[in-house]
């Protein structure tokens, strides 16, 4: 992430410089391993629909945010991008379906 976007998320650019360096060097696994949990928690959510609902309701909305740009990571992209496999990760179509049917109806 560029420094201005990091700052927008309240993340110190110097604190994640090693992450950006690993990512820029193509070492995705190292970049992921170096990413502090608190940084990941600020910019992403993962899990079942109830996890998404909790995050939107308890972290996102109270921060004054009322819209979001979502990006889903399907098994194919994760394998191609980071050479990682996550057991039970639904394909892209299923992720979008789950979000539309189980998360959106519970958000106001």
PDB file of N, CA and C in Angstrom:
ATOM      1  N   UNK A   1       0.837  -1.186   0.000  1.00  0.00           N
ATOM      2  CA  UNK A   1       0.000   0.000   0.000  1.00  0.00           C
ATOM      3  C   UNK A   1       0.876   1.241   0.000  1.00  0.00           C
ATOM      4  N   UNK A   2       0.473   2.242  -0.734  1.00  0.00           N
ATOM      5  CA  UNK A   2       1.223   3.497  -0.696  1.00  0.00           C
ATOM      6  C   UNK A   2       1.059   4.175   0.668  1.00  0.00           C
ATOM      7  N   UNK A   3       2.041   4.999   1.070  1.00  0.00           N
ATOM      8  CA  UNK A   3       2.006   5.648   2.384  1.00  0.00           C
ATOM      9  C   UNK A   3       0.719   6.425   2.669  1.00  0.00           C
ATOM     10  N   UNK A   4       0.178   7.109   1.663  1.00  0.00           N
ATOM     11  CA  UNK A   4      -1.042   7.891   1.912  1.00  0.00           C
ATOM     12  C   UNK A   4      -2.228   6.989   2.250  1.00  0.00           C
ATOM     13  N   UNK A   5      -2.318   5.855   1.616  1.00  0.00           N
ATOM     14  CA  UNK A   5      -3.407   4.922   1.913  1.00  0.00           C
ATOM     15  C   UNK A   5      -3.204   4.268   3.273  1.00  0.00           C
ATOM     16  N   UNK A   6      -1.961   3.954   3.600  1.00  0.00           N
ATOM     17  CA  UNK A   6      -1.672   3.413   4.930  1.00  0.00           C
ATOM     18  C   UNK A   6      -2.085   4.413   6.001  1.00  0.00           C
ATOM     19  N   UNK A   7      -1.708   5.672   5.815  1.00  0.00           N
ATOM     20  CA  UNK A   7      -2.048   6.710   6.794  1.00  0.00           C
ATOM     21  C   UNK A   7      -3.557   6.853   6.934  1.00  0.00           C
ATOM     22  N   UNK A   8      -4.261   6.731   5.833  1.00  0.00           N
ATOM     23  CA  UNK A   8      -5.728   6.832   5.860  1.00  0.00           C
ATOM     24  C   UNK A   8      -6.342   5.748   6.741  1.00  0.00           C
ATOM     25  N   UNK A   9      -5.678   4.601   6.803  1.00  0.00           N
ATOM     26  CA  UNK A   9      -6.139   3.492   7.630  1.00  0.00           C
ATOM     27  C   UNK A   9      -5.515   3.518   9.025  1.00  0.00           C
ATOM     28  N   UNK A  10      -4.756   4.573   9.337  1.00  0.00           N
ATOM     29  CA  UNK A  10      -4.139   4.686  10.650  1.00  0.00           C
ATOM     30  C   UNK A  10      -2.970   3.730  10.845  1.00  0.00           C
ATOM     31  N   UNK A  11      -2.291   3.399   9.756  1.00  0.00           N
ATOM     32  CA  UNK A  11      -1.166   2.466   9.807  1.00  0.00           C
ATOM     33  C   UNK A  11       0.120   3.237   9.533  1.00  0.00           C
ATOM     34  N   UNK A  12       1.093   3.082  10.413  1.00  0.00           N
ATOM     35  CA  UNK A  12       2.387   3.747  10.260  1.00  0.00           C
ATOM     36  C   UNK A  12       3.153   3.115   9.104  1.00  0.00           C
ATOM     37  N   UNK A  13       3.444   3.874   8.052  1.00  0.00           N
ATOM     38  CA  UNK A  13       4.171   3.325   6.909  1.00  0.00           C
ATOM     39  C   UNK A  13       5.511   2.690   7.281  1.00  0.00           C
ATOM     40  N   UNK A  14       6.222   3.284   8.238  1.00  0.00           N
ATOM     41  CA  UNK A  14       7.507   2.707   8.652  1.00  0.00           C
ATOM     42  C   UNK A  14       7.317   1.354   9.322  1.00  0.00           C
ATOM     43  N   UNK A  15       6.197   1.190  10.005  1.00  0.00           N
ATOM     44  CA  UNK A  15       5.929  -0.064  10.702  1.00  0.00           C
ATOM     45  C   UNK A  15       5.668  -1.237   9.782  1.00  0.00           C
ATOM     46  N   UNK A  16       5.254  -0.936   8.561  1.00  0.00           N
ATOM     47  CA  UNK A  16       4.985  -2.016   7.601  1.00  0.00           C
ATOM     48  C   UNK A  16       5.950  -1.987   6.417  1.00  0.00           C
ATOM     49  N   UNK A  17       7.024  -1.209   6.538  1.00  0.00           N
ATOM     50  CA  UNK A  17       8.010  -1.140   5.450  1.00  0.00           C
ATOM     51  C   UNK A  17       8.549  -2.517   5.068  1.00  0.00           C
ATOM     52  N   UNK A  18       8.860  -3.398   6.032  1.00  0.00           N
ATOM     53  CA  UNK A  18       9.339  -4.729   5.648  1.00  0.00           C
ATOM     54  C   UNK A  18       8.293  -5.540   4.866  1.00  0.00           C
ATOM     55  N   UNK A  19       7.029  -5.329   5.185  1.00  0.00           N
ATOM     56  CA  UNK A  19       5.949  -6.010   4.457  1.00  0.00           C
ATOM     57  C   UNK A  19       5.943  -5.532   3.007  1.00  0.00           C
ATOM     58  N   UNK A  20       5.965  -4.213   2.823  1.00  0.00           N
ATOM     59  CA  UNK A  20       5.958  -3.657   1.472  1.00  0.00           C
ATOM     60  C   UNK A  20       7.195  -4.078   0.680  1.00  0.00           C
ATOM     61  N   UNK A  21       8.340  -4.127   1.339  1.00  0.00           N
ATOM     62  CA  UNK A  21       9.570  -4.538   0.659  1.00  0.00           C
ATOM     63  C   UNK A  21       9.481  -5.992   0.194  1.00  0.00           C
ATOM     64  N   UNK A  22       8.966  -6.867   1.056  1.00  0.00           N
ATOM     65  CA  UNK A  22       8.823  -8.276   0.681  1.00  0.00           C
ATOM     66  C   UNK A  22       7.832  -8.414  -0.464  1.00  0.00           C
ATOM     67  N   UNK A  23       6.726  -7.691  -0.384  1.00  0.00           N
ATOM     68  CA  UNK A  23       5.722  -7.753  -1.441  1.00  0.00           C
ATOM     69  C   UNK A  23       6.294  -7.241  -2.758  1.00  0.00           C
ATOM     70  N   UNK A  24       6.980  -6.098  -2.707  1.00  0.00           N
ATOM     71  CA  UNK A  24       7.569  -5.524  -3.925  1.00  0.00           C
ATOM     72  C   UNK A  24       8.614  -6.453  -4.531  1.00  0.00           C
ATOM     73  N   UNK A  25       9.280  -7.235  -3.677  1.00  0.00           N
ATOM     74  CA  UNK A  25      10.277  -8.186  -4.156  1.00  0.00           C
ATOM     75  C   UNK A  25       9.686  -9.501  -4.636  1.00  0.00           C
ATOM     76  N   UNK A  26       8.357  -9.615  -4.557  1.00  0.00           N
ATOM     77  CA  UNK A  26       7.699 -10.822  -5.045  1.00  0.00           C
ATOM     78  C   UNK A  26       7.612 -11.949  -4.030  1.00  0.00           C
ATOM     79  N   UNK A  27       8.025 -11.702  -2.796  1.00  0.00           N
ATOM     80  CA  UNK A  27       7.979 -12.736  -1.765  1.00  0.00           C
ATOM     81  C   UNK A  27       6.673 -12.588  -0.983  1.00  0.00           C
ATOM     82  N   UNK A  28       5.601 -13.061  -1.587  1.00  0.00           N
ATOM     83  CA  UNK A  28       4.268 -12.884  -1.026  1.00  0.00           C
ATOM     84  C   UNK A  28       4.127 -13.601   0.315  1.00  0.00           C
ATOM     85  N   UNK A  29       4.640 -14.820   0.418  1.00  0.00           N
ATOM     86  CA  UNK A  29       4.540 -15.554   1.681  1.00  0.00           C
ATOM     87  C   UNK A  29       5.220 -14.790   2.813  1.00  0.00           C
ATOM     88  N   UNK A  30       6.378 -14.223   2.538  1.00  0.00           N
ATOM     89  CA  UNK A  30       7.085 -13.449   3.564  1.00  0.00           C
ATOM     90  C   UNK A  30       6.289 -12.192   3.917  1.00  0.00           C
ATOM     91  N   UNK A  31       5.749 -11.513   2.913  1.00  0.00           N
ATOM     92  CA  UNK A  31       4.948 -10.312   3.168  1.00  0.00           C
ATOM     93  C   UNK A  31       3.757 -10.647   4.065  1.00  0.00           C
ATOM     94  N   UNK A  32       3.088 -11.743   3.778  1.00  0.00           N
ATOM     95  CA  UNK A  32       1.951 -12.147   4.613  1.00  0.00           C
ATOM     96  C   UNK A  32       2.401 -12.491   6.026  1.00  0.00           C
ATOM     97  N   UNK A  33       3.526 -13.185   6.140  1.00  0.00           N
ATOM     98  CA  UNK A  33       4.036 -13.574   7.459  1.00  0.00           C
ATOM     99  C   UNK A  33       4.455 -12.352   8.279  1.00  0.00           C
ATOM    100  N   UNK A  34       4.949 -11.318   7.610  1.00  0.00           N
ATOM    101  CA  UNK A  34       5.409 -10.112   8.302  1.00  0.00           C
ATOM    102  C   UNK A  34       4.278  -9.146   8.658  1.00  0.00           C
ATOM    103  N   UNK A  35       3.113  -9.342   8.081  1.00  0.00           N
ATOM    104  CA  UNK A  35       2.000  -8.427   8.331  1.00  0.00           C
ATOM    105  C   UNK A  35       1.493  -8.598   9.756  1.00  0.00           C
ATOM    106  N   UNK A  36       1.602  -7.551  10.577  1.00  0.00           N
ATOM    107  CA  UNK A  36       1.109  -7.646  11.955  1.00  0.00           C
ATOM    108  C   UNK A  36      -0.400  -7.885  11.985  1.00  0.00           C
ATOM    109  N   UNK A  37      -0.860  -8.660  12.950  1.00  0.00           N
ATOM    110  CA  UNK A  37      -2.286  -8.966  13.060  1.00  0.00           C
ATOM    111  C   UNK A  37      -3.133  -7.703  13.163  1.00  0.00           C
ATOM    112  N   UNK A  38      -2.665  -6.710  13.923  1.00  0.00           N
ATOM    113  CA  UNK A  38      -3.470  -5.502  14.081  1.00  0.00           C
ATOM    114  C   UNK A  38      -3.610  -4.743  12.763  1.00  0.00           C
ATOM    115  N   UNK A  39      -2.628  -4.851  11.896  1.00  0.00           N
ATOM    116  CA  UNK A  39      -2.724  -4.219  10.579  1.00  0.00           C
ATOM    117  C   UNK A  39      -3.731  -4.974   9.722  1.00  0.00           C
ATOM    118  N   UNK A  40      -3.629  -6.284   9.699  1.00  0.00           N
ATOM    119  CA  UNK A  40      -4.578  -7.091   8.928  1.00  0.00           C
ATOM    120  C   UNK A  40      -6.009  -6.844   9.407  1.00  0.00           C
ATOM    121  N   UNK A  41      -6.184  -6.734  10.704  1.00  0.00           N
ATOM    122  CA  UNK A  41      -7.520  -6.516  11.257  1.00  0.00           C
ATOM    123  C   UNK A  41      -8.105  -5.167  10.851  1.00  0.00           C
ATOM    124  N   UNK A  42      -7.263  -4.195  10.547  1.00  0.00           N
ATOM    125  CA  UNK A  42      -7.743  -2.877  10.138  1.00  0.00           C
ATOM    126  C   UNK A  42      -8.222  -2.843   8.698  1.00  0.00           C
ATOM    127  N   UNK A  43      -7.678  -3.720   7.861  1.00  0.00           N
ATOM    128  CA  UNK A  43      -7.965  -3.598   6.429  1.00  0.00           C
ATOM    129  C   UNK A  43      -8.663  -4.804   5.820  1.00  0.00           C
ATOM    130  N   UNK A  44      -8.906  -5.838   6.615  1.00  0.00           N
ATOM    131  CA  UNK A  44      -9.558  -7.005   6.023  1.00  0.00           C
ATOM    132  C   UNK A  44     -10.399  -7.740   7.048  1.00  0.00           C
ATOM    133  N   UNK A  45     -11.302  -8.527   6.524  1.00  0.00           N
ATOM    134  CA  UNK A  45     -12.093  -9.423   7.356  1.00  0.00           C
ATOM    135  C   UNK A  45     -12.178 -10.753   6.624  1.00  0.00           C
ATOM    136  N   UNK A  46     -12.105 -11.807   7.390  1.00  0.00           N
ATOM    137  CA  UNK A  46     -12.198 -13.140   6.810  1.00  0.00           C
ATOM    138  C   UNK A  46     -13.023 -14.000   7.751  1.00  0.00           C
ATOM    139  N   UNK A  47     -13.664 -14.983   7.199  1.00  0.00           N
ATOM    140  CA  UNK A  47     -14.421 -15.899   8.031  1.00  0.00           C
ATOM    141  C   UNK A  47     -15.805 -16.159   7.492  1.00  0.00           C
ATOM    142  N   UNK A  48     -16.628 -16.696   8.344  1.00  0.00           N
ATOM    143  CA  UNK A  48     -18.004 -17.036   8.016  1.00  0.00           C
ATOM    144  C   UNK A  48     -18.857 -15.765   7.991  1.00  0.00           C
ATOM    145  N   UNK A  49     -20.069 -15.836   7.446  1.00  0.00           N
ATOM    146  CA  UNK A  49     -20.931 -14.651   7.408  1.00  0.00           C
ATOM    147  C   UNK A  49     -21.095 -13.961   8.762  1.00  0.00           C
ATOM    148  N   UNK A  50     -21.209 -14.716   9.844  1.00  0.00           N
ATOM    149  CA  UNK A  50     -21.350 -14.086  11.163  1.00  0.00           C
ATOM    150  C   UNK A  50     -20.131 -13.248  11.524  1.00  0.00           C
ATOM    151  N   UNK A  51     -18.947 -13.661  11.082  1.00  0.00           N
ATOM    152  CA  UNK A  51     -17.727 -12.875  11.328  1.00  0.00           C
ATOM    153  C   UNK A  51     -17.792 -11.539  10.591  1.00  0.00           C
ATOM    154  N   UNK A  52     -18.296 -11.570   9.359  1.00  0.00           N
ATOM    155  CA  UNK A  52     -18.426 -10.346   8.571  1.00  0.00           C
ATOM    156  C   UNK A  52     -19.439  -9.407   9.216  1.00  0.00           C
ATOM    157  N   UNK A  53     -20.579  -9.959   9.626  1.00  0.00           N
ATOM    158  CA  UNK A  53     -21.616  -9.144  10.255  1.00  0.00           C
ATOM    159  C   UNK A  53     -21.070  -8.486  11.517  1.00  0.00           C
ATOM    160  N   UNK A  54     -20.368  -9.258  12.326  1.00  0.00           N
ATOM    161  CA  UNK A  54     -19.776  -8.712  13.561  1.00  0.00           C
ATOM    162  C   UNK A  54     -18.801  -7.588  13.240  1.00  0.00           C
ATOM    163  N   UNK A  55     -17.922  -7.801  12.248  1.00  0.00           N
ATOM    164  CA  UNK A  55     -16.929  -6.792  11.898  1.00  0.00           C
ATOM    165  C   UNK A  55     -17.590  -5.508  11.397  1.00  0.00           C
ATOM    166  N   UNK A  56     -18.546  -5.662  10.484  1.00  0.00           N
ATOM    167  CA  UNK A  56     -19.235  -4.468   9.978  1.00  0.00           C
ATOM    168  C   UNK A  56     -19.975  -3.743  11.096  1.00  0.00           C
ATOM    169  N   UNK A  57     -20.602  -4.469  11.990  1.00  0.00           N
ATOM    170  CA  UNK A  57     -21.417  -3.890  13.046  1.00  0.00           C
ATOM    171  C   UNK A  57     -20.603  -3.313  14.201  1.00  0.00           C
ATOM    172  N   UNK A  58     -19.500  -3.961  14.557  1.00  0.00           N
ATOM    173  CA  UNK A  58     -18.764  -3.558  15.753  1.00  0.00           C
ATOM    174  C   UNK A  58     -17.493  -2.764  15.474  1.00  0.00           C
ATOM    175  N   UNK A  59     -16.963  -2.845  14.286  1.00  0.00           N
ATOM    176  CA  UNK A  59     -15.731  -2.108  13.979  1.00  0.00           C
ATOM    177  C   UNK A  59     -15.949  -1.070  12.881  1.00  0.00           C
ATOM    178  N   UNK A  60     -16.572  -1.470  11.833  1.00  0.00           N
ATOM    179  CA  UNK A  60     -16.677  -0.626  10.645  1.00  0.00           C
ATOM    180  C   UNK A  60     -17.672   0.526  10.838  1.00  0.00           C
ATOM    181  N   UNK A  61     -18.911   0.195  11.139  1.00  0.00           N
ATOM    182  CA  UNK A  61     -19.947   1.227  11.288  1.00  0.00           C
ATOM    183  C   UNK A  61     -19.650   2.190  12.439  1.00  0.00           C
ATOM    184  N   UNK A  62     -19.210   1.719  13.609  1.00  0.00           N
ATOM    185  CA  UNK A  62     -18.901   2.664  14.695  1.00  0.00           C
ATOM    186  C   UNK A  62     -17.785   3.652  14.355  1.00  0.00           C
ATOM    187  N   UNK A  63     -16.964   3.299  13.382  1.00  0.00           N
ATOM    188  CA  UNK A  63     -15.905   4.222  12.959  1.00  0.00           C
ATOM    189  C   UNK A  63     -16.453   5.319  12.044  1.00  0.00           C
ATOM    190  N   UNK A  64     -17.773   5.281  11.786  1.00  0.00           N
ATOM    191  CA  UNK A  64     -18.399   6.311  10.963  1.00  0.00           C
ATOM    192  C   UNK A  64     -18.440   5.979   9.490  1.00  0.00           C
ATOM    193  N   UNK A  65     -18.094   4.763   9.147  1.00  0.00           N
ATOM    194  CA  UNK A  65     -18.067   4.366   7.741  1.00  0.00           C
ATOM    195  C   UNK A  65     -19.423   3.784   7.349  1.00  0.00           C
ATOM    196  N   UNK A  66     -19.885   4.148   6.151  1.00  0.00           N
ATOM    197  CA  UNK A  66     -21.200   3.674   5.733  1.00  0.00           C
ATOM    198  C   UNK A  66     -21.207   3.037   4.347  1.00  0.00           C
ATOM    199  N   UNK A  67     -20.039   2.783   3.792  1.00  0.00           N
ATOM    200  CA  UNK A  67     -19.946   2.029   2.543  1.00  0.00           C
ATOM    201  C   UNK A  67     -18.584   1.329   2.518  1.00  0.00           C
ATOM    202  N   UNK A  68     -18.488   0.313   1.681  1.00  0.00           N
ATOM    203  CA  UNK A  68     -17.246  -0.464   1.633  1.00  0.00           C
ATOM    204  C   UNK A  68     -16.973  -0.940   0.219  1.00  0.00           C
ATOM    205  N   UNK A  69     -15.729  -1.084  -0.084  1.00  0.00           N
ATOM    206  CA  UNK A  69     -15.280  -1.701  -1.325  1.00  0.00           C
ATOM    207  C   UNK A  69     -14.799  -3.095  -0.947  1.00  0.00           C
ATOM    208  N   UNK A  70     -15.447  -4.107  -1.467  1.00  0.00           N
ATOM    209  CA  UNK A  70     -15.120  -5.483  -1.099  1.00  0.00           C
ATOM    210  C   UNK A  70     -14.323  -6.167  -2.192  1.00  0.00           C
ATOM    211  N   UNK A  71     -13.455  -7.025  -1.774  1.00  0.00           N
ATOM    212  CA  UNK A  71     -12.694  -7.863  -2.692  1.00  0.00           C
ATOM    213  C   UNK A  71     -12.657  -9.261  -2.094  1.00  0.00           C
ATOM    214  N   UNK A  72     -13.082 -10.226  -2.864  1.00  0.00           N
ATOM    215  CA  UNK A  72     -13.081 -11.607  -2.409  1.00  0.00           C
ATOM    216  C   UNK A  72     -11.873 -12.328  -2.998  1.00  0.00           C
ATOM    217  N   UNK A  73     -11.314 -13.248  -2.243  1.00  0.00           N
ATOM    218  CA  UNK A  73     -10.171 -14.026  -2.723  1.00  0.00           C
ATOM    219  C   UNK A  73     -10.590 -15.480  -2.857  1.00  0.00           C
ATOM    220  N   UNK A  74     -10.638 -15.932  -4.083  1.00  0.00           N
ATOM    221  CA  UNK A  74     -11.047 -17.311  -4.326  1.00  0.00           C
ATOM    222  C   UNK A  74      -9.829 -18.237  -4.291  1.00  0.00           C
ATOM    223  N   UNK A  75     -10.052 -19.536  -4.169  1.00  0.00           N
ATOM    224  CA  UNK A  75      -8.939 -20.479  -4.081  1.00  0.00           C
ATOM    225  C   UNK A  75      -7.958 -20.391  -5.251  1.00  0.00           C
ATOM    226  N   UNK A  76      -8.464 -20.192  -6.478  1.00  0.00           N
ATOM    227  CA  UNK A  76      -7.594 -20.120  -7.642  1.00  0.00           C
ATOM    228  C   UNK A  76      -6.640 -18.932  -7.543  1.00  0.00           C
ATOM    229  N   UNK A  77      -7.193 -17.760  -7.206  1.00  0.00           N
ATOM    230  CA  UNK A  77      -6.369 -16.556  -7.110  1.00  0.00           C
ATOM    231  C   UNK A  77      -5.345 -16.675  -5.986  1.00  0.00           C
ATOM    232  N   UNK A  78      -5.769 -17.197  -4.852  1.00  0.00           N
ATOM    233  CA  UNK A  78      -4.858 -17.362  -3.722  1.00  0.00           C
ATOM    234  C   UNK A  78      -3.702 -18.291  -4.078  1.00  0.00           C
ATOM    235  N   UNK A  79      -4.003 -19.369  -4.767  1.00  0.00           N
ATOM    236  CA  UNK A  79      -2.963 -20.319  -5.175  1.00  0.00           C
ATOM    237  C   UNK A  79      -2.021 -19.664  -6.198  1.00  0.00           C
ATOM    238  N   UNK A  80      -2.591 -18.971  -7.176  1.00  0.00           N
ATOM    239  CA  UNK A  80      -1.777 -18.340  -8.223  1.00  0.00           C
ATOM    240  C   UNK A  80      -0.950 -17.183  -7.685  1.00  0.00           C
ATOM    241  N   UNK A  81      -1.500 -16.401  -6.783  1.00  0.00           N
ATOM    242  CA  UNK A  81      -0.858 -15.188  -6.290  1.00  0.00           C
ATOM    243  C   UNK A  81       0.160 -15.482  -5.202  1.00  0.00           C
ATOM    244  N   UNK A  82      -0.214 -16.357  -4.249  1.00  0.00           N
ATOM    245  CA  UNK A  82       0.646 -16.566  -3.089  1.00  0.00           C
ATOM    246  C   UNK A  82       1.062 -18.020  -2.893  1.00  0.00           C
ATOM    247  N   UNK A  83       0.666 -18.880  -3.827  1.00  0.00           N
ATOM    248  CA  UNK A  83       0.954 -20.304  -3.721  1.00  0.00           C
ATOM    249  C   UNK A  83       0.466 -20.870  -2.378  1.00  0.00           C
ATOM    250  N   UNK A  84      -0.729 -20.412  -1.980  1.00  0.00           N
ATOM    251  CA  UNK A  84      -1.330 -20.859  -0.732  1.00  0.00           C
ATOM    252  C   UNK A  84      -2.660 -21.542  -1.000  1.00  0.00           C
ATOM    253  N   UNK A  85      -2.984 -22.491  -0.163  1.00  0.00           N
ATOM    254  CA  UNK A  85      -4.289 -23.151  -0.220  1.00  0.00           C
ATOM    255  C   UNK A  85      -4.902 -23.082   1.172  1.00  0.00           C
ATOM    256  N   UNK A  86      -6.173 -22.747   1.223  1.00  0.00           N
ATOM    257  CA  UNK A  86      -6.911 -22.671   2.478  1.00  0.00           C
ATOM    258  C   UNK A  86      -8.038 -23.692   2.401  1.00  0.00           C
ATOM    259  N   UNK A  87      -7.983 -24.663   3.281  1.00  0.00           N
ATOM    260  CA  UNK A  87      -8.999 -25.710   3.291  1.00  0.00           C
ATOM    261  C   UNK A  87     -10.382 -25.097   3.529  1.00  0.00           C
ATOM    262  N   UNK A  88     -11.331 -25.484   2.717  1.00  0.00           N
ATOM    263  CA  UNK A  88     -12.708 -25.035   2.888  1.00  0.00           C
ATOM    264  C   UNK A  88     -13.021 -23.669   2.313  1.00  0.00           C
ATOM    265  N   UNK A  89     -12.049 -23.011   1.692  1.00  0.00           N
ATOM    266  CA  UNK A  89     -12.306 -21.697   1.106  1.00  0.00           C
ATOM    267  C   UNK A  89     -13.225 -21.859  -0.100  1.00  0.00           C
ATOM    268  N   UNK A  90     -14.431 -21.252  -0.038  1.00  0.00           N
ATOM    269  CA  UNK A  90     -15.362 -21.393  -1.163  1.00  0.00           C
ATOM    270  C   UNK A  90     -14.841 -20.689  -2.411  1.00  0.00           C
ATOM    271  N   UNK A  91     -15.343 -21.120  -3.554  1.00  0.00           N
ATOM    272  CA  UNK A  91     -14.980 -20.430  -4.795  1.00  0.00           C
ATOM    273  C   UNK A  91     -15.644 -19.051  -4.803  1.00  0.00           C
ATOM    274  N   UNK A  92     -15.269 -18.245  -5.760  1.00  0.00           N
ATOM    275  CA  UNK A  92     -15.712 -16.859  -5.813  1.00  0.00           C
ATOM    276  C   UNK A  92     -17.231 -16.737  -5.855  1.00  0.00           C
ATOM    277  N   UNK A  93     -17.876 -17.516  -6.684  1.00  0.00           N
ATOM    278  CA  UNK A  93     -19.327 -17.452  -6.804  1.00  0.00           C
ATOM    279  C   UNK A  93     -20.005 -17.755  -5.467  1.00  0.00           C
ATOM    280  N   UNK A  94     -19.519 -18.754  -4.755  1.00  0.00           N
ATOM    281  CA  UNK A  94     -20.090 -19.118  -3.470  1.00  0.00           C
ATOM    282  C   UNK A  94     -19.855 -18.026  -2.426  1.00  0.00           C
ATOM    283  N   UNK A  95     -18.705 -17.392  -2.461  1.00  0.00           N
ATOM    284  CA  UNK A  95     -18.432 -16.308  -1.514  1.00  0.00           C
ATOM    285  C   UNK A  95     -19.400 -15.144  -1.732  1.00  0.00           C
ATOM    286  N   UNK A  96     -19.602 -14.781  -2.978  1.00  0.00           N
ATOM    287  CA  UNK A  96     -20.513 -13.681  -3.289  1.00  0.00           C
ATOM    288  C   UNK A  96     -21.940 -14.062  -2.889  1.00  0.00           C
ATOM    289  N   UNK A  97     -22.339 -15.293  -3.161  1.00  0.00           N
ATOM    290  CA  UNK A  97     -23.672 -15.758  -2.774  1.00  0.00           C
ATOM    291  C   UNK A  97     -23.852 -15.688  -1.258  1.00  0.00           C
ATOM    292  N   UNK A  98     -22.868 -16.206  -0.509  1.00  0.00           N
ATOM    293  CA  UNK A  98     -22.947 -16.178   0.944  1.00  0.00           C
ATOM    294  C   UNK A  98     -23.066 -14.747   1.464  1.00  0.00           C
ATOM    295  N   UNK A  99     -22.273 -13.852   0.908  1.00  0.00           N
ATOM    296  CA  UNK A  99     -22.318 -12.460   1.332  1.00  0.00           C
ATOM    297  C   UNK A  99     -23.689 -11.844   1.044  1.00  0.00           C
ATOM    298  N   UNK A 100     -24.180 -12.066  -0.173  1.00  0.00           N
ATOM    299  CA  UNK A 100     -25.469 -11.496  -0.567  1.00  0.00           C
ATOM    300  C   UNK A 100     -26.644 -12.056   0.206  1.00  0.00           C
ATOM    301  N   UNK A 101     -26.605 -13.324   0.521  1.00  0.00           N
ATOM    302  CA  UNK A 101     -27.741 -13.960   1.193  1.00  0.00           C
ATOM    303  C   UNK A 101     -27.671 -13.884   2.715  1.00  0.00           C
ATOM    304  N   UNK A 102     -26.475 -13.864   3.286  1.00  0.00           N
ATOM    305  CA  UNK A 102     -26.355 -13.965   4.737  1.00  0.00           C
ATOM    306  C   UNK A 102     -25.811 -12.727   5.428  1.00  0.00           C
ATOM    307  N   UNK A 103     -25.079 -11.885   4.719  1.00  0.00           N
ATOM    308  CA  UNK A 103     -24.483 -10.705   5.347  1.00  0.00           C
ATOM    309  C   UNK A 103     -25.304  -9.448   5.026  1.00  0.00           C
ATOM    310  N   UNK A 104     -25.481  -9.150   3.752  1.00  0.00           N
ATOM    311  CA  UNK A 104     -26.181  -7.912   3.375  1.00  0.00           C
ATOM    312  C   UNK A 104     -27.543  -7.744   4.048  1.00  0.00           C
ATOM    313  N   UNK A 105     -28.362  -8.783   4.131  1.00  0.00           N
ATOM    314  CA  UNK A 105     -29.681  -8.586   4.756  1.00  0.00           C
ATOM    315  C   UNK A 105     -29.608  -8.172   6.236  1.00  0.00           C
ATOM    316  N   UNK A 106     -28.495  -8.431   6.887  1.00  0.00           N
ATOM    317  CA  UNK A 106     -28.368  -8.113   8.317  1.00  0.00           C
ATOM    318  C   UNK A 106     -27.677  -6.781   8.570  1.00  0.00           C
ATOM    319  N   UNK A 107     -27.308  -6.092   7.510  1.00  0.00           N
ATOM    320  CA  UNK A 107     -26.676  -4.774   7.654  1.00  0.00           C
ATOM    321  C   UNK A 107     -27.686  -3.701   7.315  1.00  0.00           C
ATOM    322  N   UNK A 108     -27.639  -2.620   8.040  1.00  0.00           N
ATOM    323  CA  UNK A 108     -28.580  -1.536   7.741  1.00  0.00           C
ATOM    324  C   UNK A 108     -27.840  -0.358   7.161  1.00  0.00           C
TER     325      UNK A 108
END
